[in-house]
Protein backbone atom coordinates (compact mmCIF):
# COMPACT_ATOMS: atom_id res chain seq x y z
CA MET A 1 31.74 84.41 -9.52
CA LYS A 2 28.30 82.53 -7.93
CA HIS A 3 27.79 86.02 -6.49
CA ILE A 4 27.94 87.48 -9.27
CA LEU A 5 25.63 85.22 -11.01
CA TYR A 6 23.13 85.55 -8.16
CA MET A 7 23.09 89.03 -7.79
CA LEU A 8 22.27 89.83 -11.33
CA SER A 9 19.07 86.51 -11.38
CA ILE A 10 17.86 89.28 -8.19
CA CYS A 11 17.90 91.90 -10.54
CA SER A 12 16.22 90.20 -12.86
CA PHE A 13 13.34 88.66 -10.79
CA ILE A 14 13.13 92.54 -9.01
CA VAL A 15 12.77 93.91 -13.19
CA THR A 16 10.70 91.35 -14.09
CA SER A 17 8.64 91.23 -11.67
CA SER A 18 8.16 95.19 -10.99
CA CYS A 19 5.71 97.60 -12.84
CA TYR A 20 6.95 100.54 -13.34
CA GLY A 21 4.93 102.89 -15.49
CA PRO A 22 4.20 102.47 -19.51
CA ARG A 23 5.52 101.01 -21.39
CA ILE A 24 6.37 98.86 -25.38
CA ASN A 25 4.35 96.03 -25.76
CA LYS A 26 6.51 94.66 -28.07
CA LYS A 27 3.70 91.75 -29.55
CA ASN A 28 1.21 95.07 -30.92
CA ILE A 29 4.26 97.39 -32.07
CA ASP A 30 3.34 97.05 -35.52
CA GLY A 31 0.08 97.67 -35.57
CA SER A 32 -1.07 94.52 -36.79
CA ALA A 33 -3.14 93.44 -33.80
CA VAL A 34 -6.86 96.00 -35.37
CA PRO A 35 -10.62 95.53 -35.12
CA LYS A 36 -12.13 93.97 -37.50
CA HIS A 37 -14.80 96.42 -37.93
CA PRO A 38 -14.74 100.52 -38.17
CA ILE A 39 -16.14 101.74 -34.30
CA ALA A 40 -18.17 104.67 -36.36
CA LYS A 41 -18.52 106.29 -39.35
CA SER A 42 -19.95 109.19 -40.26
CA ARG A 43 -20.37 112.41 -42.90
CA ASP A 44 -21.52 115.09 -44.39
CA GLY A 45 -21.95 116.32 -48.11
CA SER A 46 -17.66 116.95 -48.68
CA LEU A 47 -16.17 114.74 -45.49
CA LYS A 48 -16.31 111.28 -44.14
CA LEU A 49 -15.51 110.40 -41.24
CA THR A 50 -14.38 106.72 -39.50
CA LEU A 51 -13.09 105.86 -36.86
CA GLU A 52 -10.49 103.05 -36.79
CA ASN A 53 -9.87 102.40 -33.88
CA LEU A 54 -9.81 103.13 -30.39
CA LEU A 55 -7.02 101.99 -28.00
CA VAL A 56 -7.28 102.31 -24.06
CA ARG A 57 -5.35 101.28 -21.16
CA ASN A 58 -4.43 97.54 -22.11
CA SER A 59 -7.06 96.87 -25.17
CA PRO A 60 -6.43 94.01 -27.31
CA SER A 61 -4.91 96.15 -29.98
CA SER A 62 -2.65 98.70 -27.70
CA TRP A 63 1.18 99.19 -28.91
CA ALA A 64 1.14 100.01 -24.58
CA LYS A 65 0.81 98.44 -21.33
CA ASP A 66 -0.75 100.34 -18.68
CA ALA A 67 -1.33 103.82 -20.74
CA ASN A 68 -2.07 106.62 -19.20
CA TRP A 69 -3.77 108.51 -22.76
CA ASP A 70 -6.56 106.89 -25.73
CA GLU A 71 -5.29 106.81 -28.67
CA TYR A 72 -8.11 107.67 -31.60
CA ILE A 73 -7.19 106.51 -35.01
CA PHE A 74 -9.04 107.62 -38.01
CA GLN A 75 -9.98 107.64 -41.66
CA PHE A 76 -11.09 110.34 -43.95
CA GLU A 77 -11.97 110.68 -46.76
CA ASN A 78 -12.64 113.64 -49.32
CA LEU A 79 -15.99 114.17 -51.24
CA SER A 80 -15.55 117.02 -52.56
CA ASP A 81 -14.44 118.55 -55.47
CA SER A 82 -12.30 120.48 -53.75
CA VAL A 83 -9.11 120.11 -51.09
CA ILE A 84 -9.99 119.65 -47.39
CA ILE A 85 -8.07 121.27 -44.23
CA ILE A 86 -8.51 119.42 -41.19
CA GLU A 87 -7.66 121.59 -38.57
CA ASP A 88 -9.23 120.28 -35.11
CA ILE A 89 -10.76 117.20 -33.64
CA ALA A 90 -12.50 117.40 -30.25
CA VAL A 91 -13.88 114.18 -27.92
CA ILE A 92 -16.58 115.53 -25.56
CA ASN A 93 -16.92 113.45 -22.96
CA SER A 94 -19.31 112.12 -19.97
CA LEU A 95 -19.05 115.59 -18.43
CA ASP A 96 -19.96 117.32 -21.57
CA LEU A 97 -16.47 118.77 -21.99
CA GLU A 98 -14.20 119.27 -24.70
CA VAL A 99 -11.34 116.92 -24.52
CA THR A 100 -8.32 117.82 -26.70
CA LEU A 101 -5.93 115.96 -28.66
CA ARG A 102 -1.90 116.28 -26.16
CA LYS A 103 1.57 116.10 -28.14
CA ASN A 104 3.84 113.92 -25.86
CA ARG A 105 3.76 111.27 -22.68
CA LYS A 106 4.33 114.59 -20.45
CA ASP A 107 1.20 116.22 -21.32
CA LEU A 108 -0.81 113.85 -21.19
CA ASN A 109 0.03 112.36 -18.19
CA LYS A 110 -0.93 116.80 -16.70
CA ALA A 111 -4.10 116.42 -18.69
CA THR A 112 -5.42 112.72 -17.30
CA LYS A 113 -4.49 113.54 -14.02
CA LEU A 114 -6.71 116.55 -14.44
CA VAL A 115 -9.42 114.42 -15.92
CA LYS A 116 -9.42 112.17 -13.06
CA LYS A 117 -9.83 115.21 -10.57
CA LEU A 118 -12.43 116.51 -12.33
CA PHE A 119 -14.62 113.40 -12.41
CA LYS A 120 -13.13 112.82 -9.09
CA GLN A 121 -15.35 116.11 -7.89
CA SER A 122 -18.73 115.36 -9.46
CA GLY A 123 -18.65 112.24 -8.17
CA ILE A 124 -17.33 109.88 -9.83
CA LYS A 125 -14.58 106.93 -9.73
CA LEU A 126 -12.81 106.31 -12.29
CA LYS A 127 -10.51 103.54 -13.57
CA ILE A 128 -8.58 103.53 -16.65
CA GLY A 129 -9.54 101.03 -18.66
CA GLU A 130 -12.25 99.81 -17.63
CA GLY A 131 -15.56 98.77 -19.20
CA SER A 132 -13.89 98.75 -22.04
CA THR A 133 -13.18 95.50 -22.82
CA GLN A 134 -16.21 94.37 -24.55
CA MET A 135 -16.48 97.89 -26.21
CA LEU A 136 -13.44 97.13 -28.50
CA GLU A 137 -13.88 94.15 -29.01
CA THR A 138 -17.50 94.17 -30.82
CA SER A 139 -18.40 95.93 -33.92
CA ILE A 140 -20.15 99.51 -32.93
CA THR A 141 -21.86 101.21 -35.79
CA ALA A 142 -22.49 104.44 -34.23
CA THR A 143 -24.86 107.22 -35.06
CA VAL A 144 -24.53 109.10 -37.59
CA LEU A 145 -25.12 112.50 -37.76
CA GLY A 146 -23.37 115.65 -40.47
CA ALA A 147 -23.40 119.35 -39.57
CA GLY A 148 -23.01 121.47 -42.32
CA LEU A 149 -21.12 125.10 -42.12
CA GLY A 150 -21.81 127.42 -38.69
CA ALA A 151 -22.70 124.31 -37.10
CA SER A 152 -21.53 124.47 -32.71
CA ALA A 153 -18.76 122.21 -31.60
CA ALA A 154 -20.18 124.12 -28.10
CA SER A 155 -19.57 122.29 -24.81
CA GLY A 156 -19.76 123.41 -20.68
CA GLY A 157 -15.74 123.33 -20.93
CA THR A 158 -12.75 122.79 -22.28
CA ILE A 159 -9.58 120.92 -20.40
CA GLY A 160 -6.93 121.94 -21.91
CA LEU A 161 -6.12 119.37 -20.69
CA SER A 162 20.77 105.80 -4.52
CA ALA A 163 24.19 104.58 -5.12
CA GLY A 164 25.13 100.45 -5.87
CA THR A 165 27.19 99.78 -2.78
CA LEU A 166 30.86 98.02 -3.54
CA THR A 167 31.28 94.25 -2.13
CA THR A 168 32.83 91.50 -1.50
CA ALA A 169 32.23 87.39 -1.01
CA GLY A 170 34.43 84.38 -0.72
CA GLY A 171 36.90 86.09 -3.08
CA ALA A 172 34.09 87.74 -5.47
CA VAL A 173 33.27 91.50 -6.55
CA PHE A 174 30.03 92.90 -7.24
CA VAL A 175 27.44 95.82 -6.76
CA ALA A 176 24.89 95.02 -4.76
CA VAL A 177 21.64 97.80 -7.08
CA PRO A 178 19.33 98.54 -4.99
CA ALA A 179 16.16 98.04 -6.76
CA ILE A 180 14.79 101.67 -6.06
CA ALA A 181 17.28 102.54 -8.36
CA ILE A 182 16.87 99.45 -10.39
CA GLY A 183 13.63 100.49 -10.83
CA GLY A 184 13.36 104.56 -10.95
CA ILE A 185 15.96 103.35 -14.55
CA LEU A 186 13.73 101.25 -16.00
CA LYS A 187 10.65 103.68 -15.59
CA ILE A 188 13.16 106.16 -17.61
CA VAL A 189 14.15 104.33 -20.07
CA ASN A 190 10.41 103.34 -20.36
CA ASN A 191 9.01 106.98 -20.35
CA SER A 192 11.69 107.91 -22.89
CA LYS A 193 10.32 105.11 -25.52
CA ILE A 194 7.05 105.59 -24.77
CA ASN A 195 7.26 109.20 -25.49
CA ASN A 196 9.31 108.56 -28.97
CA GLU A 197 6.57 106.17 -30.03
CA ILE A 198 4.15 108.43 -29.30
CA ILE A 199 5.61 111.08 -31.26
CA LYS A 200 6.50 108.73 -34.11
CA ARG A 201 2.90 107.83 -34.58
CA GLN A 202 0.45 110.91 -33.50
CA THR A 203 -0.28 112.81 -37.12
CA HIS A 204 0.26 116.53 -36.72
CA LEU A 205 -2.79 118.76 -37.76
CA PRO A 206 -3.73 120.83 -39.53
CA ILE A 207 -3.05 118.36 -42.46
CA ALA A 208 -4.71 118.85 -46.58
CA ILE A 209 -7.00 115.74 -47.79
CA LYS A 210 -7.09 116.53 -51.93
CA PRO A 211 -10.21 115.49 -53.91
CA SER A 212 -11.15 111.91 -53.42
CA GLU A 213 -8.23 110.77 -51.10
CA LYS A 214 -8.53 108.70 -47.72
CA THR A 215 -5.73 109.88 -44.78
CA SER A 216 -5.59 107.89 -41.55
CA ILE A 217 -4.93 110.36 -38.67
CA ASP A 218 -3.99 109.29 -35.04
CA LEU A 219 -3.97 111.14 -32.43
CA PHE A 220 -3.91 111.46 -28.85
CA TYR A 221 -6.07 112.37 -25.82
CA PRO A 222 -6.03 111.93 -22.08
CA ILE A 223 -8.26 109.65 -20.69
CA ILE A 224 -12.10 109.74 -21.67
CA PRO A 225 -14.37 108.58 -20.18
CA GLY A 226 -17.64 108.40 -21.64
CA PRO A 227 -17.14 109.60 -24.70
CA ARG A 228 -20.54 110.56 -26.68
CA SER A 229 -19.19 112.46 -29.58
CA ILE A 230 -16.55 113.86 -32.04
CA ILE A 231 -15.64 117.25 -33.46
CA VAL A 232 -14.26 117.52 -36.60
CA GLU A 233 -13.38 121.19 -37.70
CA TYR A 234 -12.55 121.15 -40.80
CA GLU A 235 -12.31 123.96 -44.06
CA ILE A 236 -12.66 123.67 -47.01
CA ASP A 237 -12.89 127.00 -49.22
CA GLY A 238 -11.96 128.68 -46.99
CA ARG A 239 -15.18 128.64 -45.28
CA VAL A 240 -15.26 126.31 -42.18
CA HIS A 241 -16.86 123.72 -40.84
CA TYR A 242 -17.74 121.06 -38.27
CA LEU A 243 -18.80 117.34 -38.00
CA LYS A 244 -19.92 116.24 -35.33
CA GLN A 245 -20.71 112.10 -34.82
CA ILE A 246 -22.50 110.80 -32.35
CA LEU A 247 -20.97 107.90 -30.48
CA ASN A 248 -22.77 105.18 -29.56
CA GLU A 249 -23.98 104.13 -25.48
CA ASN A 250 -21.88 101.45 -25.70
CA LEU A 251 -19.15 103.56 -24.94
CA SER A 252 -21.06 105.87 -22.15
CA HIS A 253 -19.57 103.09 -19.28
CA LEU A 254 -15.86 103.63 -20.50
CA HIS A 255 -12.79 104.55 -17.64
CA TYR A 256 -16.08 104.16 -15.33
CA LYS A 257 -14.69 102.17 -11.82
CA SER A 258 -18.81 100.87 -11.69
CA ILE A 259 -21.28 101.20 -14.36
CA LYS A 260 -23.64 102.82 -11.00
CA ASN A 261 -22.32 106.30 -10.87
CA HIS A 262 -23.03 107.16 -14.64
């Protein structure tokens, strides 16, 4: 029996002392840890946009540990007398690339790898989550810029972005499970939990907003180094409009390993 407990304690140590990809941060999973002030606000004659929260890898209010993506949480208010349909929301990064949302963990990981590759080719070193701590802990007011009917969201491009061993010792029988097997199993479990949470939290576009109504929209993107602006495409009375939000300069170093490269 002692041998069994000994092996279990070893396995427990391996599991708790190792990192097997993104996993749930239980203390923030209920969403109670939110910024005291919104990060950015913008409006035109019909629609008001507030960026309420931006969750990046290991930010203070993040529900995931070691995330390979960025989560943008918006609030929209319909200022018009007609129904507004939010069709799409893109974010422009520091390379002037338009980054589009992703709907699951696998696609987010693939797109983030592409982002890192593109920035590396541009001579810019990235480290997910770096350059963000101060930005996420303070109130940031962005420049307001409303773009009306027919405004362009043009950008430089788009990131469409072994088995255990049965052993006997002193009369006790136990299974010695290799650390790599434990890690593999744990990673599969974590990946499933993370993917389920992403699917649960995300908002499915398009979404309709009634007159005078306020609506929260939660979207996931691959990492967006140095985000410069947010482009909202919406429809009102059958006509397409774009609302552009210019983000504060304090966000320009987000995900940069060194600001000297910026």
